[in-house]
Amino acid sequence: MAEENKVEEEVAEEVEENKEAEAEVVEEEKVDQEDQIKILQGEVDKWKNDYYKVFADMENIKRRMQNEHANNLKFMMQGFIEQMLPIVDNFERSLAIENPNKEVANFLKGYEMIYKQIMTLLENQGVKVIEAEGKEFDPNFHQAVMTVSDENFKPGMVVEELQKGYMLKDRVIRASLVKVSE
């Protein structure tokens, strides 16, 4: 019986040691799992952060592309209109003839009708003539070609418009060439 008790005690001790070892293993596994959870949570946070950055970048690109597309639509006619302006200038010069004979006057009537059609077409596309004569000089809209002393005008006023300026919607496509009073 003493041997049986001794064996039982040894078995009990081994069971106790196994329980303690298992408890340590479980504790270590808990620690390892907590570390793994922390590591994985860090990776999740990094991926979320990267996702939000990419999403924000894509939204910015989308917005910029929409703005560029809207501007392209708004100003798509600019190159064509810039090429039309010398033609308009030539029509205006031809219509400025004073005291034409009867034959030339008939041509001028036709030129005037064509000129009005072209100006209507340009206005429909958003082209406006820049008002200059008698206005205060503004370097955003006027280009001073010369200055003159004129008592009828205050200094910095546009005395004469030498060439008309034009705007397409809110953009100057050609500044007015002007004489400015000193």
N, C-alpha and C. Protein backbone atom coordinates (compact mmCIF):
# COMPACT_ATOMS: atom_id res chain seq x y z
N MET A 1 0.81 -1.17 0.00
CA MET A 1 0.00 0.00 0.00
C MET A 1 0.86 1.24 0.00
N ALA A 2 1.97 1.12 0.63
CA ALA A 2 2.85 2.26 0.64
C ALA A 2 3.32 2.57 -0.76
N GLU A 3 3.53 1.49 -1.48
CA GLU A 3 3.96 1.70 -2.87
C GLU A 3 2.84 2.30 -3.69
N GLU A 4 1.66 1.85 -3.45
CA GLU A 4 0.51 2.40 -4.18
C GLU A 4 0.33 3.86 -3.84
N ASN A 5 0.50 4.20 -2.59
CA ASN A 5 0.37 5.60 -2.18
C ASN A 5 1.48 6.43 -2.83
N LYS A 6 2.66 5.80 -2.83
CA LYS A 6 3.79 6.50 -3.44
C LYS A 6 3.53 6.73 -4.92
N VAL A 7 3.00 5.76 -5.63
CA VAL A 7 2.70 5.87 -7.05
C VAL A 7 1.58 6.90 -7.25
N GLU A 8 0.60 6.83 -6.37
CA GLU A 8 -0.50 7.79 -6.49
C GLU A 8 0.00 9.21 -6.28
N GLU A 9 0.92 9.36 -5.31
CA GLU A 9 1.47 10.69 -5.05
C GLU A 9 2.28 11.16 -6.26
N GLU A 10 3.05 10.24 -6.84
CA GLU A 10 3.85 10.60 -8.02
C GLU A 10 2.93 10.97 -9.18
N VAL A 11 1.87 10.22 -9.36
CA VAL A 11 0.91 10.50 -10.42
C VAL A 11 0.24 11.85 -10.16
N ALA A 12 -0.10 12.08 -8.89
CA ALA A 12 -0.74 13.33 -8.53
C ALA A 12 0.21 14.50 -8.79
N GLU A 13 1.51 14.28 -8.43
CA GLU A 13 2.50 15.33 -8.66
C GLU A 13 2.66 15.60 -10.17
N GLU A 14 2.69 14.51 -10.95
CA GLU A 14 2.83 14.66 -12.40
C GLU A 14 1.62 15.38 -12.99
N VAL A 15 0.44 15.00 -12.50
CA VAL A 15 -0.78 15.65 -12.97
C VAL A 15 -0.72 17.13 -12.61
N GLU A 16 -0.27 17.41 -11.38
CA GLU A 16 -0.17 18.81 -10.93
C GLU A 16 0.83 19.56 -11.80
N GLU A 17 1.98 18.94 -12.08
CA GLU A 17 3.01 19.57 -12.92
C GLU A 17 2.48 19.79 -14.34
N ASN A 18 1.75 18.78 -14.84
CA ASN A 18 1.15 18.92 -16.18
C ASN A 18 0.14 20.06 -16.22
N LYS A 19 -0.65 20.18 -15.12
CA LYS A 19 -1.63 21.26 -15.06
C LYS A 19 -0.92 22.61 -15.05
N GLU A 20 0.16 22.68 -14.25
CA GLU A 20 0.92 23.94 -14.20
C GLU A 20 1.56 24.24 -15.56
N ALA A 21 2.10 23.22 -16.20
CA ALA A 21 2.72 23.40 -17.52
C ALA A 21 1.68 23.82 -18.55
N GLU A 22 0.50 23.16 -18.45
CA GLU A 22 -0.57 23.54 -19.37
C GLU A 22 -1.02 24.97 -19.12
N ALA A 23 -1.09 25.36 -17.86
CA ALA A 23 -1.49 26.74 -17.51
C ALA A 23 -0.48 27.73 -18.08
N GLU A 24 0.81 27.39 -17.98
CA GLU A 24 1.85 28.27 -18.53
C GLU A 24 1.73 28.35 -20.05
N VAL A 25 1.50 27.19 -20.67
CA VAL A 25 1.35 27.17 -22.14
C VAL A 25 0.14 28.00 -22.54
N VAL A 26 -0.97 27.84 -21.81
CA VAL A 26 -2.18 28.61 -22.12
C VAL A 26 -1.91 30.09 -21.94
N GLU A 27 -1.18 30.44 -20.84
CA GLU A 27 -0.85 31.83 -20.59
C GLU A 27 0.04 32.37 -21.71
N GLU A 28 1.03 31.59 -22.11
CA GLU A 28 1.92 32.00 -23.21
C GLU A 28 1.13 32.15 -24.50
N GLU A 29 0.20 31.21 -24.73
CA GLU A 29 -0.63 31.31 -25.94
C GLU A 29 -1.48 32.57 -25.90
N LYS A 30 -2.00 32.91 -24.71
CA LYS A 30 -2.79 34.14 -24.57
C LYS A 30 -1.94 35.35 -24.90
N VAL A 31 -0.73 35.37 -24.37
CA VAL A 31 0.19 36.47 -24.63
C VAL A 31 0.51 36.52 -26.12
N ASP A 32 0.82 35.36 -26.71
CA ASP A 32 1.12 35.31 -28.14
C ASP A 32 -0.08 35.76 -28.96
N GLN A 33 -1.27 35.33 -28.56
CA GLN A 33 -2.48 35.74 -29.29
C GLN A 33 -2.71 37.24 -29.14
N GLU A 34 -2.47 37.78 -27.95
CA GLU A 34 -2.64 39.23 -27.76
C GLU A 34 -1.64 39.99 -28.61
N ASP A 35 -0.41 39.50 -28.65
CA ASP A 35 0.61 40.14 -29.50
C ASP A 35 0.19 40.06 -30.97
N GLN A 36 -0.27 38.88 -31.36
CA GLN A 36 -0.71 38.72 -32.75
C GLN A 36 -1.90 39.64 -33.06
N ILE A 37 -2.81 39.75 -32.10
CA ILE A 37 -3.96 40.64 -32.30
C ILE A 37 -3.49 42.08 -32.45
N LYS A 38 -2.54 42.49 -31.61
CA LYS A 38 -2.00 43.85 -31.71
C LYS A 38 -1.32 44.07 -33.06
N ILE A 39 -0.54 43.09 -33.48
CA ILE A 39 0.17 43.19 -34.77
C ILE A 39 -0.85 43.27 -35.91
N LEU A 40 -1.83 42.38 -35.86
CA LEU A 40 -2.85 42.37 -36.91
C LEU A 40 -3.68 43.65 -36.89
N GLN A 41 -3.98 44.15 -35.71
CA GLN A 41 -4.73 45.41 -35.61
C GLN A 41 -3.92 46.55 -36.20
N GLY A 42 -2.62 46.56 -35.95
CA GLY A 42 -1.74 47.57 -36.54
C GLY A 42 -1.75 47.48 -38.06
N GLU A 43 -1.70 46.26 -38.60
CA GLU A 43 -1.76 46.09 -40.05
C GLU A 43 -3.09 46.55 -40.61
N VAL A 44 -4.17 46.23 -39.89
CA VAL A 44 -5.51 46.67 -40.33
C VAL A 44 -5.56 48.19 -40.37
N ASP A 45 -5.05 48.82 -39.32
CA ASP A 45 -5.04 50.29 -39.28
C ASP A 45 -4.22 50.88 -40.42
N LYS A 46 -3.08 50.25 -40.71
CA LYS A 46 -2.24 50.72 -41.82
C LYS A 46 -2.99 50.59 -43.15
N TRP A 47 -3.64 49.45 -43.36
CA TRP A 47 -4.38 49.24 -44.61
C TRP A 47 -5.55 50.20 -44.72
N LYS A 48 -6.23 50.45 -43.61
CA LYS A 48 -7.33 51.42 -43.61
C LYS A 48 -6.81 52.80 -43.98
N ASN A 49 -5.69 53.19 -43.36
CA ASN A 49 -5.10 54.49 -43.63
C ASN A 49 -4.71 54.61 -45.10
N ASP A 50 -4.07 53.58 -45.63
CA ASP A 50 -3.69 53.57 -47.05
C ASP A 50 -4.93 53.64 -47.95
N TYR A 51 -5.97 52.91 -47.56
CA TYR A 51 -7.22 52.94 -48.34
C TYR A 51 -7.80 54.35 -48.37
N TYR A 52 -7.86 54.99 -47.21
CA TYR A 52 -8.43 56.34 -47.15
C TYR A 52 -7.60 57.33 -47.96
N LYS A 53 -6.29 57.18 -47.94
CA LYS A 53 -5.42 58.06 -48.73
C LYS A 53 -5.68 57.87 -50.23
N VAL A 54 -5.74 56.62 -50.65
CA VAL A 54 -5.99 56.33 -52.07
C VAL A 54 -7.38 56.83 -52.47
N PHE A 55 -8.36 56.61 -51.61
CA PHE A 55 -9.72 57.07 -51.89
C PHE A 55 -9.76 58.59 -52.03
N ALA A 56 -9.08 59.30 -51.11
CA ALA A 56 -9.03 60.77 -51.18
C ALA A 56 -8.32 61.22 -52.45
N ASP A 57 -7.22 60.55 -52.81
CA ASP A 57 -6.52 60.89 -54.05
C ASP A 57 -7.42 60.70 -55.26
N MET A 58 -8.16 59.61 -55.28
CA MET A 58 -9.06 59.35 -56.41
C MET A 58 -10.17 60.39 -56.48
N GLU A 59 -10.70 60.80 -55.35
CA GLU A 59 -11.73 61.84 -55.33
C GLU A 59 -11.16 63.16 -55.84
N ASN A 60 -9.93 63.49 -55.44
CA ASN A 60 -9.29 64.72 -55.92
C ASN A 60 -9.05 64.67 -57.42
N ILE A 61 -8.59 63.52 -57.91
CA ILE A 61 -8.36 63.35 -59.35
C ILE A 61 -9.69 63.48 -60.09
N LYS A 62 -10.71 62.86 -59.58
CA LYS A 62 -12.04 62.93 -60.21
C LYS A 62 -12.52 64.37 -60.28
N ARG A 63 -12.40 65.11 -59.17
CA ARG A 63 -12.82 66.51 -59.14
C ARG A 63 -12.00 67.36 -60.11
N ARG A 64 -10.68 67.14 -60.13
CA ARG A 64 -9.82 67.91 -61.03
C ARG A 64 -10.16 67.61 -62.49
N MET A 65 -10.41 66.34 -62.81
CA MET A 65 -10.77 65.97 -64.18
C MET A 65 -12.10 66.61 -64.58
N GLN A 66 -13.06 66.64 -63.66
CA GLN A 66 -14.34 67.28 -63.96
C GLN A 66 -14.17 68.77 -64.21
N ASN A 67 -13.32 69.43 -63.40
CA ASN A 67 -13.06 70.86 -63.60
C ASN A 67 -12.36 71.11 -64.93
N GLU A 68 -11.37 70.29 -65.25
CA GLU A 68 -10.66 70.44 -66.52
C GLU A 68 -11.61 70.20 -67.69
N HIS A 69 -12.46 69.21 -67.58
CA HIS A 69 -13.42 68.92 -68.64
C HIS A 69 -14.39 70.10 -68.82
N ALA A 70 -14.87 70.64 -67.71
CA ALA A 70 -15.78 71.79 -67.77
C ALA A 70 -15.08 72.99 -68.41
N ASN A 71 -13.81 73.24 -68.05
CA ASN A 71 -13.07 74.34 -68.66
C ASN A 71 -12.82 74.09 -70.15
N ASN A 72 -12.51 72.85 -70.49
CA ASN A 72 -12.30 72.52 -71.90
C ASN A 72 -13.57 72.77 -72.71
N LEU A 73 -14.71 72.38 -72.16
CA LEU A 73 -15.97 72.63 -72.85
C LEU A 73 -16.25 74.13 -72.94
N LYS A 74 -15.96 74.82 -71.85
CA LYS A 74 -16.24 76.26 -71.78
C LYS A 74 -15.40 77.04 -72.79
N PHE A 75 -14.15 76.64 -72.95
CA PHE A 75 -13.24 77.40 -73.80
C PHE A 75 -12.78 76.64 -75.04
N MET A 76 -13.54 75.63 -75.47
CA MET A 76 -13.12 74.84 -76.62
C MET A 76 -13.10 75.65 -77.91
N MET A 77 -13.86 76.71 -77.98
CA MET A 77 -13.92 77.52 -79.19
C MET A 77 -12.86 78.62 -79.22
N GLN A 78 -12.05 78.74 -78.17
CA GLN A 78 -11.12 79.86 -78.06
C GLN A 78 -10.16 79.95 -79.24
N GLY A 79 -9.56 78.84 -79.63
CA GLY A 79 -8.61 78.87 -80.75
C GLY A 79 -9.27 79.33 -82.04
N PHE A 80 -10.46 78.83 -82.30
CA PHE A 80 -11.20 79.22 -83.51
C PHE A 80 -11.56 80.70 -83.45
N ILE A 81 -12.01 81.16 -82.31
CA ILE A 81 -12.41 82.57 -82.16
C ILE A 81 -11.19 83.48 -82.32
N GLU A 82 -10.06 83.08 -81.76
CA GLU A 82 -8.84 83.89 -81.93
C GLU A 82 -8.47 84.02 -83.40
N GLN A 83 -8.71 82.98 -84.19
CA GLN A 83 -8.42 83.04 -85.62
C GLN A 83 -9.47 83.88 -86.37
N MET A 84 -10.67 83.98 -85.81
CA MET A 84 -11.73 84.77 -86.44
C MET A 84 -11.56 86.27 -86.22
N LEU A 85 -10.90 86.67 -85.15
CA LEU A 85 -10.82 88.10 -84.81
C LEU A 85 -10.16 88.95 -85.89
N PRO A 86 -9.08 88.52 -86.54
CA PRO A 86 -8.53 89.34 -87.63
C PRO A 86 -9.53 89.51 -88.79
N ILE A 87 -10.35 88.50 -89.03
CA ILE A 87 -11.37 88.59 -90.08
C ILE A 87 -12.40 89.65 -89.69
N VAL A 88 -12.80 89.63 -88.41
CA VAL A 88 -13.74 90.65 -87.91
C VAL A 88 -13.12 92.03 -88.05
N ASP A 89 -11.83 92.17 -87.72
CA ASP A 89 -11.14 93.46 -87.85
C ASP A 89 -11.17 93.95 -89.30
N ASN A 90 -10.92 93.03 -90.24
CA ASN A 90 -10.94 93.41 -91.65
C ASN A 90 -12.33 93.84 -92.11
N PHE A 91 -13.36 93.15 -91.63
CA PHE A 91 -14.73 93.59 -91.95
C PHE A 91 -14.98 94.99 -91.40
N GLU A 92 -14.55 95.25 -90.18
CA GLU A 92 -14.76 96.57 -89.59
C GLU A 92 -14.02 97.65 -90.39
N ARG A 93 -12.82 97.35 -90.83
CA ARG A 93 -12.07 98.33 -91.65
C ARG A 93 -12.77 98.58 -92.98
N SER A 94 -13.30 97.50 -93.58
CA SER A 94 -13.97 97.69 -94.87
C SER A 94 -15.27 98.48 -94.71
N LEU A 95 -15.92 98.31 -93.57
CA LEU A 95 -17.17 99.05 -93.33
C LEU A 95 -16.92 100.50 -92.93
N ALA A 96 -15.68 100.85 -92.61
CA ALA A 96 -15.36 102.22 -92.19
C ALA A 96 -15.09 103.15 -93.37
N ILE A 97 -15.27 102.67 -94.58
CA ILE A 97 -15.03 103.51 -95.76
C ILE A 97 -16.06 104.64 -95.77
N GLU A 98 -15.57 105.86 -95.95
CA GLU A 98 -16.47 107.02 -95.97
C GLU A 98 -16.76 107.42 -97.41
N ASN A 99 -17.97 107.83 -97.64
CA ASN A 99 -18.44 108.31 -98.95
C ASN A 99 -18.14 107.32 -100.08
N PRO A 100 -18.63 106.10 -99.99
CA PRO A 100 -18.38 105.16 -101.08
C PRO A 100 -19.29 105.46 -102.27
N ASN A 101 -18.85 105.08 -103.46
CA ASN A 101 -19.73 105.25 -104.62
C ASN A 101 -20.82 104.18 -104.53
N LYS A 102 -21.79 104.26 -105.47
CA LYS A 102 -22.97 103.41 -105.39
C LYS A 102 -22.60 101.92 -105.47
N GLU A 103 -21.68 101.57 -106.34
CA GLU A 103 -21.29 100.18 -106.49
C GLU A 103 -20.64 99.63 -105.21
N VAL A 104 -19.75 100.40 -104.64
CA VAL A 104 -19.09 99.99 -103.39
C VAL A 104 -20.09 99.95 -102.25
N ALA A 105 -21.04 100.86 -102.25
CA ALA A 105 -22.06 100.89 -101.18
C ALA A 105 -22.87 99.60 -101.18
N ASN A 106 -23.16 99.05 -102.36
CA ASN A 106 -23.89 97.78 -102.42
C ASN A 106 -23.06 96.65 -101.82
N PHE A 107 -21.76 96.63 -102.14
CA PHE A 107 -20.87 95.62 -101.53
C PHE A 107 -20.82 95.80 -100.01
N LEU A 108 -20.77 97.04 -99.58
CA LEU A 108 -20.69 97.30 -98.15
C LEU A 108 -21.94 96.81 -97.41
N LYS A 109 -23.11 96.89 -98.07
CA LYS A 109 -24.33 96.38 -97.44
C LYS A 109 -24.21 94.87 -97.22
N GLY A 110 -23.68 94.17 -98.21
CA GLY A 110 -23.46 92.73 -98.08
C GLY A 110 -22.44 92.42 -96.99
N TYR A 111 -21.34 93.22 -96.98
CA TYR A 111 -20.32 93.04 -95.94
C TYR A 111 -20.92 93.28 -94.55
N GLU A 112 -21.77 94.28 -94.45
CA GLU A 112 -22.38 94.60 -93.16
C GLU A 112 -23.28 93.45 -92.68
N MET A 113 -24.02 92.84 -93.60
CA MET A 113 -24.87 91.72 -93.21
C MET A 113 -24.01 90.53 -92.74
N ILE A 114 -22.93 90.26 -93.46
CA ILE A 114 -22.03 89.16 -93.07
C ILE A 114 -21.39 89.48 -91.72
N TYR A 115 -20.97 90.74 -91.55
CA TYR A 115 -20.34 91.16 -90.30
C TYR A 115 -21.31 90.96 -89.12
N LYS A 116 -22.57 91.35 -89.31
CA LYS A 116 -23.56 91.19 -88.24
C LYS A 116 -23.79 89.71 -87.91
N GLN A 117 -23.81 88.88 -88.94
CA GLN A 117 -23.97 87.44 -88.70
C GLN A 117 -22.79 86.88 -87.90
N ILE A 118 -21.59 87.28 -88.28
CA ILE A 118 -20.40 86.81 -87.57
C ILE A 118 -20.43 87.27 -86.12
N MET A 119 -20.79 88.54 -85.90
CA MET A 119 -20.83 89.07 -84.53
C MET A 119 -21.91 88.36 -83.71
N THR A 120 -23.05 88.06 -84.32
CA THR A 120 -24.12 87.32 -83.62
C THR A 120 -23.63 85.93 -83.25
N LEU A 121 -22.94 85.28 -84.19
CA LEU A 121 -22.39 83.95 -83.94
C LEU A 121 -21.39 83.99 -82.78
N LEU A 122 -20.52 84.99 -82.79
CA LEU A 122 -19.53 85.12 -81.71
C LEU A 122 -20.21 85.39 -80.37
N GLU A 123 -21.22 86.25 -80.37
CA GLU A 123 -21.94 86.55 -79.13
C GLU A 123 -22.64 85.31 -78.60
N ASN A 124 -23.19 84.49 -79.50
CA ASN A 124 -23.84 83.25 -79.06
C ASN A 124 -22.84 82.28 -78.43
N GLN A 125 -21.57 82.37 -78.79
CA GLN A 125 -20.53 81.52 -78.21
C GLN A 125 -19.93 82.13 -76.94
N GLY A 126 -20.44 83.30 -76.52
CA GLY A 126 -19.97 83.92 -75.28
C GLY A 126 -18.89 84.96 -75.47
N VAL A 127 -18.69 85.43 -76.71
CA VAL A 127 -17.68 86.45 -76.97
C VAL A 127 -18.30 87.83 -76.75
N LYS A 128 -17.58 88.68 -76.00
CA LYS A 128 -18.04 90.05 -75.75
C LYS A 128 -16.93 91.02 -76.12
N VAL A 129 -17.32 92.18 -76.62
CA VAL A 129 -16.36 93.23 -76.92
C VAL A 129 -16.01 93.92 -75.61
N ILE A 130 -14.74 94.19 -75.39
CA ILE A 130 -14.29 94.89 -74.18
C ILE A 130 -14.49 96.39 -74.41
N GLU A 131 -15.25 97.01 -73.53
CA GLU A 131 -15.45 98.45 -73.61
C GLU A 131 -14.17 99.15 -73.18
N ALA A 132 -13.72 100.13 -73.97
CA ALA A 132 -12.44 100.76 -73.64
C ALA A 132 -12.52 102.28 -73.66
N GLU A 133 -12.99 102.85 -74.74
CA GLU A 133 -12.92 104.30 -74.92
C GLU A 133 -13.72 105.02 -73.84
N GLY A 134 -13.04 105.99 -73.17
CA GLY A 134 -13.68 106.76 -72.12
C GLY A 134 -13.67 106.07 -70.76
N LYS A 135 -13.17 104.86 -70.71
CA LYS A 135 -13.11 104.11 -69.44
C LYS A 135 -11.72 104.29 -68.81
N GLU A 136 -11.63 103.97 -67.54
CA GLU A 136 -10.35 104.02 -66.87
C GLU A 136 -9.48 102.86 -67.36
N PHE A 137 -8.20 103.12 -67.56
CA PHE A 137 -7.28 102.11 -68.06
C PHE A 137 -7.17 100.97 -67.05
N ASP A 138 -7.35 99.74 -67.55
CA ASP A 138 -7.23 98.54 -66.72
C ASP A 138 -6.30 97.58 -67.45
N PRO A 139 -5.12 97.32 -66.90
CA PRO A 139 -4.15 96.45 -67.59
C PRO A 139 -4.65 95.02 -67.78
N ASN A 140 -5.70 94.63 -67.08
CA ASN A 140 -6.26 93.30 -67.27
C ASN A 140 -7.04 93.20 -68.58
N PHE A 141 -7.53 94.34 -69.08
CA PHE A 141 -8.36 94.36 -70.28
C PHE A 141 -7.77 95.20 -71.41
N HIS A 142 -6.88 96.11 -71.07
CA HIS A 142 -6.34 97.06 -72.07
C HIS A 142 -4.82 96.93 -72.16
N GLN A 143 -4.32 97.18 -73.36
CA GLN A 143 -2.88 97.23 -73.56
C GLN A 143 -2.57 98.62 -74.08
N ALA A 144 -1.83 99.39 -73.29
CA ALA A 144 -1.50 100.76 -73.67
C ALA A 144 -0.41 100.74 -74.72
N VAL A 145 -0.72 101.32 -75.87
CA VAL A 145 0.25 101.39 -76.96
C VAL A 145 0.97 102.73 -76.92
N MET A 146 0.26 103.78 -76.52
CA MET A 146 0.86 105.10 -76.41
C MET A 146 0.11 105.93 -75.38
N THR A 147 0.77 106.99 -74.95
CA THR A 147 0.13 107.92 -74.04
C THR A 147 0.09 109.29 -74.70
N VAL A 148 -0.95 110.05 -74.40
CA VAL A 148 -1.10 111.39 -74.96
C VAL A 148 -1.55 112.33 -73.85
N SER A 149 -1.24 113.61 -74.03
CA SER A 149 -1.74 114.62 -73.10
C SER A 149 -3.04 115.15 -73.68
N ASP A 150 -4.10 114.99 -72.94
CA ASP A 150 -5.41 115.46 -73.39
C ASP A 150 -6.14 116.04 -72.19
N GLU A 151 -6.47 117.33 -72.31
CA GLU A 151 -7.13 118.01 -71.20
C GLU A 151 -8.57 117.55 -71.00
N ASN A 152 -9.15 116.92 -72.00
CA ASN A 152 -10.53 116.45 -71.90
C ASN A 152 -10.66 115.18 -71.06
N PHE A 153 -9.55 114.52 -70.78
CA PHE A 153 -9.57 113.26 -70.04
C PHE A 153 -8.70 113.36 -68.79
N LYS A 154 -9.15 112.70 -67.74
CA LYS A 154 -8.35 112.61 -66.52
C LYS A 154 -7.17 111.68 -66.80
N PRO A 155 -6.10 111.81 -66.04
CA PRO A 155 -4.97 110.88 -66.22
C PRO A 155 -5.40 109.44 -65.98
N GLY A 156 -4.89 108.54 -66.82
CA GLY A 156 -5.19 107.12 -66.70
C GLY A 156 -6.47 106.70 -67.39
N MET A 157 -7.07 107.60 -68.17
CA MET A 157 -8.29 107.28 -68.90
C MET A 157 -7.93 106.89 -70.33
N VAL A 158 -8.73 106.00 -70.91
CA VAL A 158 -8.51 105.58 -72.30
C VAL A 158 -9.06 106.67 -73.21
N VAL A 159 -8.18 107.23 -74.03
CA VAL A 159 -8.56 108.31 -74.94
C VAL A 159 -9.13 107.75 -76.24
N GLU A 160 -8.46 106.73 -76.76
CA GLU A 160 -8.87 106.17 -78.05
C GLU A 160 -8.57 104.68 -78.07
N GLU A 161 -9.47 103.94 -78.71
CA GLU A 161 -9.27 102.50 -78.88
C GLU A 161 -8.72 102.28 -80.29
N LEU A 162 -7.52 101.71 -80.38
CA LEU A 162 -6.90 101.47 -81.67
C LEU A 162 -7.29 100.11 -82.25
N GLN A 163 -7.54 99.15 -81.39
CA GLN A 163 -7.99 97.83 -81.82
C GLN A 163 -8.88 97.26 -80.72
N LYS A 164 -10.03 96.73 -81.13
CA LYS A 164 -10.99 96.20 -80.15
C LYS A 164 -10.41 94.98 -79.44
N GLY A 165 -10.79 94.86 -78.18
CA GLY A 165 -10.43 93.69 -77.39
C GLY A 165 -11.67 92.83 -77.20
N TYR A 166 -11.46 91.54 -76.94
CA TYR A 166 -12.58 90.61 -76.81
C TYR A 166 -12.36 89.68 -75.62
N MET A 167 -13.48 89.29 -75.02
CA MET A 167 -13.48 88.31 -73.94
C MET A 167 -14.32 87.12 -74.37
N LEU A 168 -13.87 85.94 -73.98
CA LEU A 168 -14.66 84.72 -74.16
C LEU A 168 -15.10 84.31 -72.77
N LYS A 169 -16.38 84.46 -72.52
CA LYS A 169 -16.97 84.23 -71.20
C LYS A 169 -16.26 85.11 -70.19
N ASP A 170 -15.43 84.59 -69.32
CA ASP A 170 -14.75 85.42 -68.32
C ASP A 170 -13.24 85.52 -68.56
N ARG A 171 -12.79 85.14 -69.74
CA ARG A 171 -11.36 85.15 -70.07
C ARG A 171 -11.08 86.13 -71.20
N VAL A 172 -10.06 86.96 -71.03
CA VAL A 172 -9.65 87.89 -72.09
C VAL A 172 -8.92 87.08 -73.15
N ILE A 173 -9.42 87.16 -74.40
CA ILE A 173 -8.72 86.44 -75.47
C ILE A 173 -7.88 87.41 -76.31
N ARG A 174 -8.25 88.70 -76.25
CA ARG A 174 -7.40 89.72 -76.87
C ARG A 174 -7.68 91.03 -76.16
N ALA A 175 -6.63 91.64 -75.62
CA ALA A 175 -6.76 92.91 -74.92
C ALA A 175 -6.95 94.04 -75.94
N SER A 176 -7.66 95.08 -75.53
CA SER A 176 -7.85 96.24 -76.39
C SER A 176 -6.54 97.03 -76.47
N LEU A 177 -6.16 97.43 -77.70
CA LEU A 177 -5.01 98.30 -77.88
C LEU A 177 -5.51 99.74 -77.77
N VAL A 178 -4.94 100.51 -76.82
CA VAL A 178 -5.50 101.83 -76.52
C VAL A 178 -4.43 102.91 -76.36
N LYS A 179 -4.91 104.18 -76.52
CA LYS A 179 -4.13 105.35 -76.15
C LYS A 179 -4.64 105.78 -74.79
N VAL A 180 -3.70 106.12 -73.91
CA VAL A 180 -4.07 106.49 -72.55
C VAL A 180 -3.60 107.91 -72.28
N SER A 181 -4.45 108.67 -71.53
CA SER A 181 -4.08 110.04 -71.19
C SER A 181 -3.07 110.03 -70.05
N GLU A 182 -2.17 111.02 -70.10
CA GLU A 182 -1.13 111.12 -69.06
C GLU A 182 -1.64 111.89 -67.87
